[in-house]
Amino acid sequence: DSSMTTRAEAAAGLGRVATSGDIAVEKVLRSCLSDRSEETEDLVIAALMSISQLAPVGSLTLAAVSDCMLNAEDWASRRAAVEAIANIGEVGDVAVISMLQAGLDDDNCWVRTSTIEAIAKVSWRGDEAALTAALLKLNDRAWSVRVAALGVVARLSERGDEETIGGVTACLDDDYSSVRIAALETLVELAPCGSRHLIRLASSRLADADPDVRKEAIEALVRMAETGDENTMSMLAHCMREDDDEEVRQVAETAVERL
């Protein structure tokens, strides 16, 4: 059709009505991916979404989606391709994980964010390649990628892994409060119960300039400390009395009661 809007709607419709394994439909959708320009962005994204709904798909279709991830001019199409690969790939498939890793170097931060989340989706807990990729992204220049990477580390790492914990604790001093909050959340998932060293590191955020970080630090301390931990209760009681934010004081008071 000469109308790009109509073509995009048709591509989206194929995902709703076609059945998995329909080779003819896959061929049509692949042809949509090869038509790349600023004017065809909606068509490409619609085709990628339909391909996601048709999983499992053939190797030719997967290769076409991968090519789109690497070479589409607009970042939205590249991100849609990343998400499609995660939807059609099998968990634990080394080839799919390797395919996605190429997106970690994309110039656009939202493509990199989607890529690290996609890698987690197709990886088992403890997958070394996926975990290594996530740890490297803890130093990404974009805060959104660092937050996503911390979430992936929390999902894939084993509790008590010292090397991983070291990478996470470094993020407690990040310039962005969203990253510091994510680091605290991840630390809770990885820390052995009652670890004095990690409790001490988390408690350093009780003096954070951002009250939301201080509230997250309180929650982290409650979840990491053992019931009746007097040292932790003393820190929280100080927070309850001295913090200059009313919400933080209230959260600290509840935390003391919980411990």
Protein backbone atom coordinates (compact mmCIF):
# COMPACT_ATOMS: atom_id res chain seq x y z
CA ASP A 1 0.00 0.00 0.00
CA SER A 2 1.18 3.55 -0.66
CA SER A 3 0.10 4.71 2.80
CA MET A 4 2.77 4.13 5.44
CA THR A 5 0.15 4.29 8.18
CA THR A 6 -1.88 1.55 6.52
CA ARG A 7 1.21 -0.61 6.09
CA ALA A 8 2.12 -0.22 9.76
CA GLU A 9 -1.43 -1.11 10.83
CA ALA A 10 -1.36 -4.17 8.59
CA ALA A 11 1.96 -5.30 10.06
CA ALA A 12 0.55 -4.91 13.56
CA GLY A 13 -2.57 -6.82 12.55
CA LEU A 14 -0.53 -9.80 11.37
CA GLY A 15 0.77 -10.28 14.89
CA ARG A 16 -2.76 -10.50 16.20
CA VAL A 17 -4.21 -12.93 13.66
CA ALA A 18 -1.31 -15.08 12.42
CA THR A 19 -0.16 -18.27 14.11
CA SER A 20 3.33 -19.18 15.28
CA GLY A 21 5.45 -20.84 12.64
CA ASP A 22 3.63 -19.25 9.68
CA ILE A 23 6.56 -19.01 7.26
CA ALA A 24 4.68 -16.80 4.78
CA VAL A 25 3.81 -14.23 7.47
CA GLU A 26 7.38 -14.22 8.78
CA LYS A 27 8.61 -13.50 5.25
CA VAL A 28 6.25 -10.54 4.93
CA LEU A 29 7.32 -9.13 8.28
CA ARG A 30 11.00 -9.60 7.43
CA SER A 31 10.49 -7.55 4.29
CA CYS A 32 9.14 -4.72 6.46
CA LEU A 33 12.37 -4.69 8.46
CA SER A 34 14.46 -4.10 5.34
CA ASP A 35 12.56 -0.88 4.55
CA ARG A 36 14.45 1.48 6.86
CA SER A 37 14.19 5.24 6.76
CA GLU A 38 12.82 7.97 8.96
CA GLU A 39 9.43 7.60 7.25
CA THR A 40 9.22 3.84 7.89
CA GLU A 41 9.98 3.84 11.63
CA ASP A 42 6.36 3.02 12.60
CA LEU A 43 6.26 0.17 10.08
CA VAL A 44 9.49 -1.37 11.37
CA ILE A 45 8.38 -1.15 14.99
CA ALA A 46 4.97 -2.66 14.17
CA ALA A 47 6.65 -5.53 12.33
CA LEU A 48 9.01 -6.16 15.26
CA MET A 49 6.11 -6.25 17.71
CA SER A 50 4.29 -8.76 15.52
CA ILE A 51 7.39 -10.92 15.24
CA SER A 52 7.54 -10.96 19.06
CA GLN A 53 4.00 -12.33 19.16
CA LEU A 54 4.79 -15.11 16.66
CA ALA A 55 7.55 -16.78 18.68
CA PRO A 56 9.12 -19.19 18.12
CA VAL A 57 10.37 -17.94 14.76
CA GLY A 58 12.82 -19.22 12.19
CA SER A 59 16.54 -18.44 12.06
CA LEU A 60 16.10 -16.10 9.07
CA THR A 61 13.65 -13.96 11.02
CA LEU A 62 15.89 -13.88 14.10
CA ALA A 63 18.82 -12.82 11.91
CA ALA A 64 16.74 -10.04 10.35
CA VAL A 65 15.75 -8.74 13.79
CA SER A 66 19.39 -8.82 14.89
CA ASP A 67 20.42 -6.87 11.79
CA CYS A 68 17.75 -4.30 12.60
CA MET A 69 19.08 -3.97 16.15
CA LEU A 70 22.54 -3.21 14.83
CA ASN A 71 21.77 -1.09 11.78
CA ALA A 72 18.40 0.69 12.05
CA GLU A 73 18.90 4.43 11.83
CA ASP A 74 16.43 5.39 14.57
CA TRP A 75 16.95 4.34 18.18
CA ALA A 76 13.30 3.39 18.70
CA SER A 77 13.55 0.68 16.04
CA ARG A 78 16.81 -0.59 17.51
CA ARG A 79 15.22 -0.77 20.96
CA ALA A 80 12.16 -2.56 19.56
CA ALA A 81 14.49 -5.08 17.91
CA VAL A 82 16.24 -5.71 21.24
CA GLU A 83 12.90 -6.35 22.93
CA ALA A 84 11.81 -8.64 20.09
CA ILE A 85 14.97 -10.75 20.43
CA ALA A 86 14.30 -11.12 24.15
CA ASN A 87 10.73 -12.21 23.44
CA ILE A 88 11.55 -14.77 20.77
CA GLY A 89 14.82 -16.09 22.21
CA GLU A 90 14.96 -19.07 24.55
CA VAL A 91 16.22 -18.67 28.10
CA GLY A 92 19.82 -19.81 28.36
CA ASP A 93 20.46 -19.67 24.60
CA VAL A 94 24.12 -18.58 24.40
CA ALA A 95 23.73 -17.41 20.79
CA VAL A 96 20.82 -15.12 21.71
CA ILE A 97 22.68 -13.67 24.70
CA SER A 98 25.73 -13.05 22.50
CA MET A 99 23.49 -11.42 19.88
CA LEU A 100 22.05 -9.04 22.45
CA GLN A 101 25.42 -8.05 23.89
CA ALA A 102 26.12 -6.06 20.73
CA GLY A 103 23.37 -3.66 21.82
CA LEU A 104 25.26 -2.78 25.00
CA ASP A 105 27.49 -0.48 22.95
CA ASP A 106 24.65 1.38 21.25
CA ASP A 107 24.99 5.17 21.20
CA ASN A 108 21.51 5.61 22.68
CA CYS A 109 21.13 5.09 26.42
CA TRP A 110 17.57 3.73 26.13
CA VAL A 111 18.72 1.04 23.71
CA ARG A 112 21.48 0.09 26.15
CA THR A 113 18.96 0.07 29.01
CA SER A 114 16.59 -2.22 27.10
CA THR A 115 19.50 -4.44 26.10
CA ILE A 116 20.68 -5.12 29.64
CA GLU A 117 17.09 -5.87 30.68
CA ALA A 118 16.68 -8.16 27.66
CA ILE A 119 19.83 -10.08 28.56
CA ALA A 120 18.40 -10.71 32.03
CA LYS A 121 15.17 -11.97 30.48
CA VAL A 122 16.93 -14.70 28.51
CA SER A 123 19.45 -15.68 31.20
CA TRP A 124 19.36 -18.04 34.16
CA ARG A 125 20.49 -16.95 37.62
CA GLY A 126 24.23 -17.41 37.86
CA ASP A 127 24.86 -17.04 34.10
CA GLU A 128 28.44 -15.74 34.09
CA ALA A 129 28.34 -14.08 30.66
CA ALA A 130 25.12 -12.18 31.42
CA LEU A 131 26.29 -11.21 34.90
CA THR A 132 29.62 -9.95 33.58
CA ALA A 133 27.81 -7.82 31.01
CA ALA A 134 25.62 -6.34 33.74
CA LEU A 135 28.57 -5.61 36.02
CA LEU A 136 30.37 -3.76 33.23
CA LYS A 137 27.31 -1.57 32.73
CA LEU A 138 27.47 -0.41 36.36
CA ASN A 139 29.99 2.11 34.99
CA ASP A 140 27.88 3.20 32.02
CA ARG A 141 27.82 6.94 31.37
CA ALA A 142 23.99 7.02 31.55
CA TRP A 143 22.29 6.75 34.94
CA SER A 144 19.34 4.83 33.46
CA VAL A 145 21.66 2.08 32.26
CA ARG A 146 23.36 1.88 35.65
CA VAL A 147 19.97 1.51 37.36
CA ALA A 148 18.93 -1.23 34.93
CA ALA A 149 22.26 -3.01 35.38
CA LEU A 150 21.83 -3.03 39.15
CA GLY A 151 18.41 -4.61 38.75
CA VAL A 152 19.87 -7.29 36.51
CA VAL A 153 22.68 -7.99 38.98
CA ALA A 154 20.07 -8.47 41.70
CA ARG A 155 18.21 -10.99 39.54
CA LEU A 156 21.19 -12.98 38.26
CA SER A 157 23.77 -13.00 41.04
CA GLU A 158 24.02 -15.48 43.89
CA ARG A 159 23.67 -14.16 47.43
CA GLY A 160 27.04 -13.55 49.07
CA ASP A 161 29.06 -13.24 45.83
CA GLU A 162 31.85 -10.93 47.05
CA GLU A 163 33.01 -9.74 43.62
CA THR A 164 29.49 -8.76 42.63
CA ILE A 165 28.81 -7.11 45.98
CA GLY A 166 31.97 -5.04 45.51
CA GLY A 167 30.67 -3.65 42.23
CA VAL A 168 27.30 -2.85 43.76
CA THR A 169 28.68 -1.08 46.85
CA ALA A 170 30.69 1.25 44.60
CA CYS A 171 27.35 2.52 43.27
CA LEU A 172 26.33 3.71 46.75
CA ASP A 173 28.39 6.84 46.03
CA ASP A 174 26.93 7.46 42.56
CA ASP A 175 26.12 11.09 41.68
CA TYR A 176 22.50 10.16 40.90
CA SER A 177 20.10 9.37 43.72
CA SER A 178 18.19 6.86 41.55
CA VAL A 179 21.37 4.83 41.20
CA ARG A 180 22.11 4.99 44.93
CA ILE A 181 18.58 3.76 45.67
CA ALA A 182 18.95 0.91 43.18
CA ALA A 183 22.31 0.00 44.73
CA LEU A 184 20.70 -0.28 48.17
CA GLU A 185 17.88 -2.42 46.79
CA THR A 186 20.40 -4.71 45.08
CA LEU A 187 22.60 -4.93 48.15
CA VAL A 188 19.65 -6.27 50.14
CA GLU A 189 19.22 -9.07 47.60
CA LEU A 190 22.89 -10.06 47.72
CA ALA A 191 23.95 -9.52 51.32
CA PRO A 192 24.17 -12.46 53.73
CA CYS A 193 21.81 -11.86 56.66
CA GLY A 194 23.49 -9.94 59.46
CA SER A 195 26.64 -8.96 57.54
CA ARG A 196 28.18 -6.23 59.70
CA HIS A 197 30.36 -4.93 56.88
CA LEU A 198 27.46 -4.47 54.47
CA ILE A 199 25.17 -3.08 57.16
CA ARG A 200 27.84 -0.48 57.87
CA LEU A 201 28.07 0.42 54.17
CA ALA A 202 24.29 0.74 53.86
CA SER A 203 24.14 2.84 57.02
CA SER A 204 26.44 5.41 55.40
CA ARG A 205 23.45 6.41 53.24
CA LEU A 206 21.53 7.51 56.35
CA ALA A 207 23.42 10.77 55.90
CA ASP A 208 22.57 11.06 52.19
CA ALA A 209 21.46 14.49 50.98
CA ASP A 210 18.35 12.96 49.34
CA PRO A 211 15.60 11.93 51.77
CA ASP A 212 14.41 9.20 49.39
CA VAL A 213 17.85 7.60 49.60
CA ARG A 214 17.79 7.84 53.38
CA LYS A 215 14.39 6.10 53.45
CA GLU A 216 15.72 3.34 51.21
CA ALA A 217 18.77 2.97 53.46
CA ILE A 218 16.46 2.48 56.45
CA GLU A 219 14.53 -0.22 54.60
CA ALA A 220 17.79 -1.89 53.59
CA LEU A 221 19.03 -1.94 57.17
CA VAL A 222 15.81 -3.53 58.43
CA ARG A 223 16.01 -6.27 55.82
CA MET A 224 19.73 -6.92 56.26
CA ALA A 225 19.93 -6.89 60.06
CA GLU A 226 18.90 -9.70 62.34
CA THR A 227 15.90 -9.21 64.63
CA GLY A 228 16.96 -7.44 67.81
CA ASP A 229 20.22 -6.10 66.31
CA GLU A 230 21.01 -3.40 68.88
CA ASN A 231 23.60 -1.55 66.78
CA THR A 232 21.23 -1.20 63.85
CA MET A 233 18.35 -0.23 66.12
CA SER A 234 20.53 2.45 67.69
CA MET A 235 21.35 3.95 64.26
CA LEU A 236 17.69 3.94 63.29
CA ALA A 237 16.64 5.46 66.61
CA HIS A 238 19.10 8.31 66.01
CA CYS A 239 17.52 8.80 62.58
CA MET A 240 14.07 8.79 64.16
CA ARG A 241 15.07 11.63 66.51
CA GLU A 242 17.46 13.73 64.43
CA ASP A 243 16.61 13.53 60.73
CA ASP A 244 15.33 16.86 59.37
CA ASP A 245 12.70 15.18 57.15
CA GLU A 246 9.42 14.16 58.79
CA GLU A 247 8.81 11.21 56.43
CA VAL A 248 12.29 9.86 57.09
CA ARG A 249 11.71 10.09 60.84
CA GLN A 250 8.41 8.22 60.47
CA VAL A 251 10.03 5.48 58.36
CA ALA A 252 12.80 5.14 60.93
CA GLU A 253 10.29 4.83 63.78
CA THR A 254 8.47 2.03 61.96
CA ALA A 255 11.78 0.35 61.22
CA VAL A 256 12.77 0.28 64.89
CA GLU A 257 9.46 -1.39 65.71
CA ARG A 258 10.04 -3.98 62.99
CA LEU A 259 13.44 -4.90 64.38
